[in-house]
Amino acid sequence: MSKPPKLSLAAIVASASPQAKPLARSAPTPRPQGAEIVALTLAPPAPKPAATLKQRARQMSVYLEPAVYDQLRDLAFAERTKMHALMLEGLDLLFKQRGARSIAQLTETQGR
């Protein structure tokens, strides 16, 4: 006894759908009076964006006591800003207090 043939998806779809007649090529549709073909020019590709902060920067972990973390989070929520921005502001104040260059000066000289 021979094995029944394996069915493929194409065979199942072909057997389920009625046989469609091949479309006959007809004459091109006449264009209405005054219609014209307009060639569209594609815009040049957009320039690739500069590297993101995540690609440029180096990551550093900071371990904070729970009370310190909660207070920082509360300040960020009250000021509707991110904790990261507040930490950068604190670093900028530290740099200013110690007579070092600010974050803006440091990023300006690197030329991004």
C-alpha atoms as a PDB file:
ATOM      1  CA  MET A   1       0.000   0.000   0.000  1.00  0.00           C
ATOM      2  CA  SER A   2       1.482   3.368  -0.972  1.00  0.00           C
ATOM      3  CA  LYS A   3       1.534   6.443   1.235  1.00  0.00           C
ATOM      4  CA  PRO A   4      -0.967   9.199   0.502  1.00  0.00           C
ATOM      5  CA  PRO A   5       0.676  12.262  -1.031  1.00  0.00           C
ATOM      6  CA  LYS A   6       1.662  15.054   1.380  1.00  0.00           C
ATOM      7  CA  LEU A   7      -0.455  18.127   0.909  1.00  0.00           C
ATOM      8  CA  SER A   8       1.159  21.497   0.609  1.00  0.00           C
ATOM      9  CA  LEU A   9      -0.467  24.781   1.488  1.00  0.00           C
ATOM     10  CA  ALA A  10      -0.477  25.750  -2.180  1.00  0.00           C
ATOM     11  CA  ALA A  11      -2.314  22.549  -3.096  1.00  0.00           C
ATOM     12  CA  ILE A  12      -4.939  23.095  -0.381  1.00  0.00           C
ATOM     13  CA  VAL A  13      -5.550  26.710  -1.423  1.00  0.00           C
ATOM     14  CA  ALA A  14      -5.717  25.751  -5.110  1.00  0.00           C
ATOM     15  CA  SER A  15      -8.275  23.035  -4.440  1.00  0.00           C
ATOM     16  CA  ALA A  16     -10.404  25.262  -2.181  1.00  0.00           C
ATOM     17  CA  SER A  17     -10.676  28.222  -4.517  1.00  0.00           C
ATOM     18  CA  PRO A  18     -12.569  28.046  -7.798  1.00  0.00           C
ATOM     19  CA  GLN A  19     -10.415  28.024 -10.875  1.00  0.00           C
ATOM     20  CA  ALA A  20      -9.860  31.592 -11.924  1.00  0.00           C
ATOM     21  CA  LYS A  21      -9.588  32.328 -15.574  1.00  0.00           C
ATOM     22  CA  PRO A  22      -6.407  34.054 -16.561  1.00  0.00           C
ATOM     23  CA  LEU A  23      -7.020  37.720 -17.175  1.00  0.00           C
ATOM     24  CA  ALA A  24      -6.998  38.649 -20.804  1.00  0.00           C
ATOM     25  CA  ARG A  25      -4.818  41.591 -21.675  1.00  0.00           C
ATOM     26  CA  SER A  26      -6.985  44.408 -22.793  1.00  0.00           C
ATOM     27  CA  ALA A  27      -6.131  47.570 -24.625  1.00  0.00           C
ATOM     28  CA  PRO A  28      -4.753  50.358 -22.436  1.00  0.00           C
ATOM     29  CA  THR A  29      -7.390  52.566 -20.894  1.00  0.00           C
ATOM     30  CA  PRO A  30      -7.587  55.895 -22.676  1.00  0.00           C
ATOM     31  CA  ARG A  31      -6.667  58.900 -20.577  1.00  0.00           C
ATOM     32  CA  PRO A  32      -9.200  61.673 -20.124  1.00  0.00           C
ATOM     33  CA  GLN A  33      -8.574  64.906 -21.998  1.00  0.00           C
ATOM     34  CA  GLY A  34      -6.147  67.203 -20.188  1.00  0.00           C
ATOM     35  CA  ALA A  35      -4.687  64.443 -18.049  1.00  0.00           C
ATOM     36  CA  GLU A  36      -0.944  64.332 -17.869  1.00  0.00           C
ATOM     37  CA  ILE A  37       1.638  62.090 -16.291  1.00  0.00           C
ATOM     38  CA  VAL A  38       3.544  63.750 -13.506  1.00  0.00           C
ATOM     39  CA  ALA A  39       6.948  62.458 -12.479  1.00  0.00           C
ATOM     40  CA  LEU A  40       7.549  62.595  -8.756  1.00  0.00           C
ATOM     41  CA  THR A  41      11.040  63.250  -7.522  1.00  0.00           C
ATOM     42  CA  LEU A  42      12.069  61.608  -4.290  1.00  0.00           C
ATOM     43  CA  ALA A  43      13.566  63.713  -1.558  1.00  0.00           C
ATOM     44  CA  PRO A  44      17.179  62.921  -0.720  1.00  0.00           C
ATOM     45  CA  PRO A  45      17.532  60.549   2.218  1.00  0.00           C
ATOM     46  CA  ALA A  46      17.521  62.237   5.591  1.00  0.00           C
ATOM     47  CA  PRO A  47      20.960  62.590   7.168  1.00  0.00           C
ATOM     48  CA  LYS A  48      21.707  60.091   9.874  1.00  0.00           C
ATOM     49  CA  PRO A  49      21.232  61.605  13.320  1.00  0.00           C
ATOM     50  CA  ALA A  50      24.245  62.199  15.485  1.00  0.00           C
ATOM     51  CA  ALA A  51      25.011  59.613  18.110  1.00  0.00           C
ATOM     52  CA  THR A  52      22.550  59.575  20.979  1.00  0.00           C
ATOM     53  CA  LEU A  53      23.551  60.330  24.540  1.00  0.00           C
ATOM     54  CA  LYS A  54      23.409  56.624  25.306  1.00  0.00           C
ATOM     55  CA  GLN A  55      25.905  55.947  22.488  1.00  0.00           C
ATOM     56  CA  ARG A  56      28.217  58.853  23.449  1.00  0.00           C
ATOM     57  CA  ALA A  57      28.147  58.659  27.222  1.00  0.00           C
ATOM     58  CA  ARG A  58      29.567  56.266  29.748  1.00  0.00           C
ATOM     59  CA  GLN A  59      27.273  54.656  32.274  1.00  0.00           C
ATOM     60  CA  MET A  60      27.937  54.903  35.989  1.00  0.00           C
ATOM     61  CA  SER A  61      26.037  53.296  38.850  1.00  0.00           C
ATOM     62  CA  VAL A  62      25.217  55.308  41.939  1.00  0.00           C
ATOM     63  CA  TYR A  63      24.185  53.613  45.144  1.00  0.00           C
ATOM     64  CA  LEU A  64      21.877  55.790  47.231  1.00  0.00           C
ATOM     65  CA  GLU A  65      20.366  55.195  50.626  1.00  0.00           C
ATOM     66  CA  PRO A  66      16.604  54.633  50.338  1.00  0.00           C
ATOM     67  CA  ALA A  67      15.803  57.963  52.026  1.00  0.00           C
ATOM     68  CA  VAL A  68      18.147  59.849  49.668  1.00  0.00           C
ATOM     69  CA  TYR A  69      16.678  58.089  46.639  1.00  0.00           C
ATOM     70  CA  ASP A  70      13.118  58.841  47.778  1.00  0.00           C
ATOM     71  CA  GLN A  71      13.914  62.514  48.334  1.00  0.00           C
ATOM     72  CA  LEU A  72      15.534  62.806  44.892  1.00  0.00           C
ATOM     73  CA  ARG A  73      12.544  61.089  43.307  1.00  0.00           C
ATOM     74  CA  ASP A  74      10.146  63.415  45.160  1.00  0.00           C
ATOM     75  CA  LEU A  75      12.077  66.496  44.021  1.00  0.00           C
ATOM     76  CA  ALA A  76      12.033  65.283  40.418  1.00  0.00           C
ATOM     77  CA  PHE A  77       8.280  64.653  40.633  1.00  0.00           C
ATOM     78  CA  ALA A  78       7.572  68.057  42.215  1.00  0.00           C
ATOM     79  CA  GLU A  79       9.664  69.871  39.595  1.00  0.00           C
ATOM     80  CA  ARG A  80       8.307  67.675  36.764  1.00  0.00           C
ATOM     81  CA  THR A  81      11.785  66.706  35.651  1.00  0.00           C
ATOM     82  CA  LYS A  82      13.905  63.575  35.629  1.00  0.00           C
ATOM     83  CA  MET A  83      16.176  62.364  38.372  1.00  0.00           C
ATOM     84  CA  HIS A  84      19.003  62.260  35.827  1.00  0.00           C
ATOM     85  CA  ALA A  85      18.656  65.995  35.177  1.00  0.00           C
ATOM     86  CA  LEU A  86      18.797  66.733  38.903  1.00  0.00           C
ATOM     87  CA  MET A  87      21.917  64.609  39.294  1.00  0.00           C
ATOM     88  CA  LEU A  88      23.592  66.476  36.424  1.00  0.00           C
ATOM     89  CA  GLU A  89      22.609  69.766  38.055  1.00  0.00           C
ATOM     90  CA  GLY A  90      24.225  68.578  41.288  1.00  0.00           C
ATOM     91  CA  LEU A  91      27.412  67.614  39.443  1.00  0.00           C
ATOM     92  CA  ASP A  92      27.469  71.014  37.754  1.00  0.00           C
ATOM     93  CA  LEU A  93      27.222  72.722  41.169  1.00  0.00           C
ATOM     94  CA  LEU A  94      30.041  70.518  42.481  1.00  0.00           C
ATOM     95  CA  PHE A  95      32.250  71.396  39.500  1.00  0.00           C
ATOM     96  CA  LYS A  96      31.524  75.117  40.009  1.00  0.00           C
ATOM     97  CA  GLN A  97      32.295  74.878  43.730  1.00  0.00           C
ATOM     98  CA  ARG A  98      35.618  73.170  43.029  1.00  0.00           C
ATOM     99  CA  GLY A  99      36.604  75.569  40.236  1.00  0.00           C
ATOM    100  CA  ALA A 100      36.336  72.984  37.442  1.00  0.00           C
ATOM    101  CA  ARG A 101      34.746  73.497  34.040  1.00  0.00           C
ATOM    102  CA  SER A 102      30.964  73.132  33.819  1.00  0.00           C
ATOM    103  CA  ILE A 103      29.217  70.352  31.915  1.00  0.00           C
ATOM    104  CA  ALA A 104      28.287  72.806  29.152  1.00  0.00           C
ATOM    105  CA  GLN A 105      31.942  73.827  28.753  1.00  0.00           C
ATOM    106  CA  LEU A 106      33.086  70.219  28.706  1.00  0.00           C
ATOM    107  CA  THR A 107      30.578  69.139  26.036  1.00  0.00           C
ATOM    108  CA  GLU A 108      31.241  72.297  24.011  1.00  0.00           C
ATOM    109  CA  THR A 109      34.970  71.564  23.668  1.00  0.00           C
ATOM    110  CA  GLN A 110      34.392  67.933  22.670  1.00  0.00           C
ATOM    111  CA  GLY A 111      32.528  69.061  19.544  1.00  0.00           C
ATOM    112  CA  ARG A 112      29.999  66.254  20.031  1.00  0.00           C
END
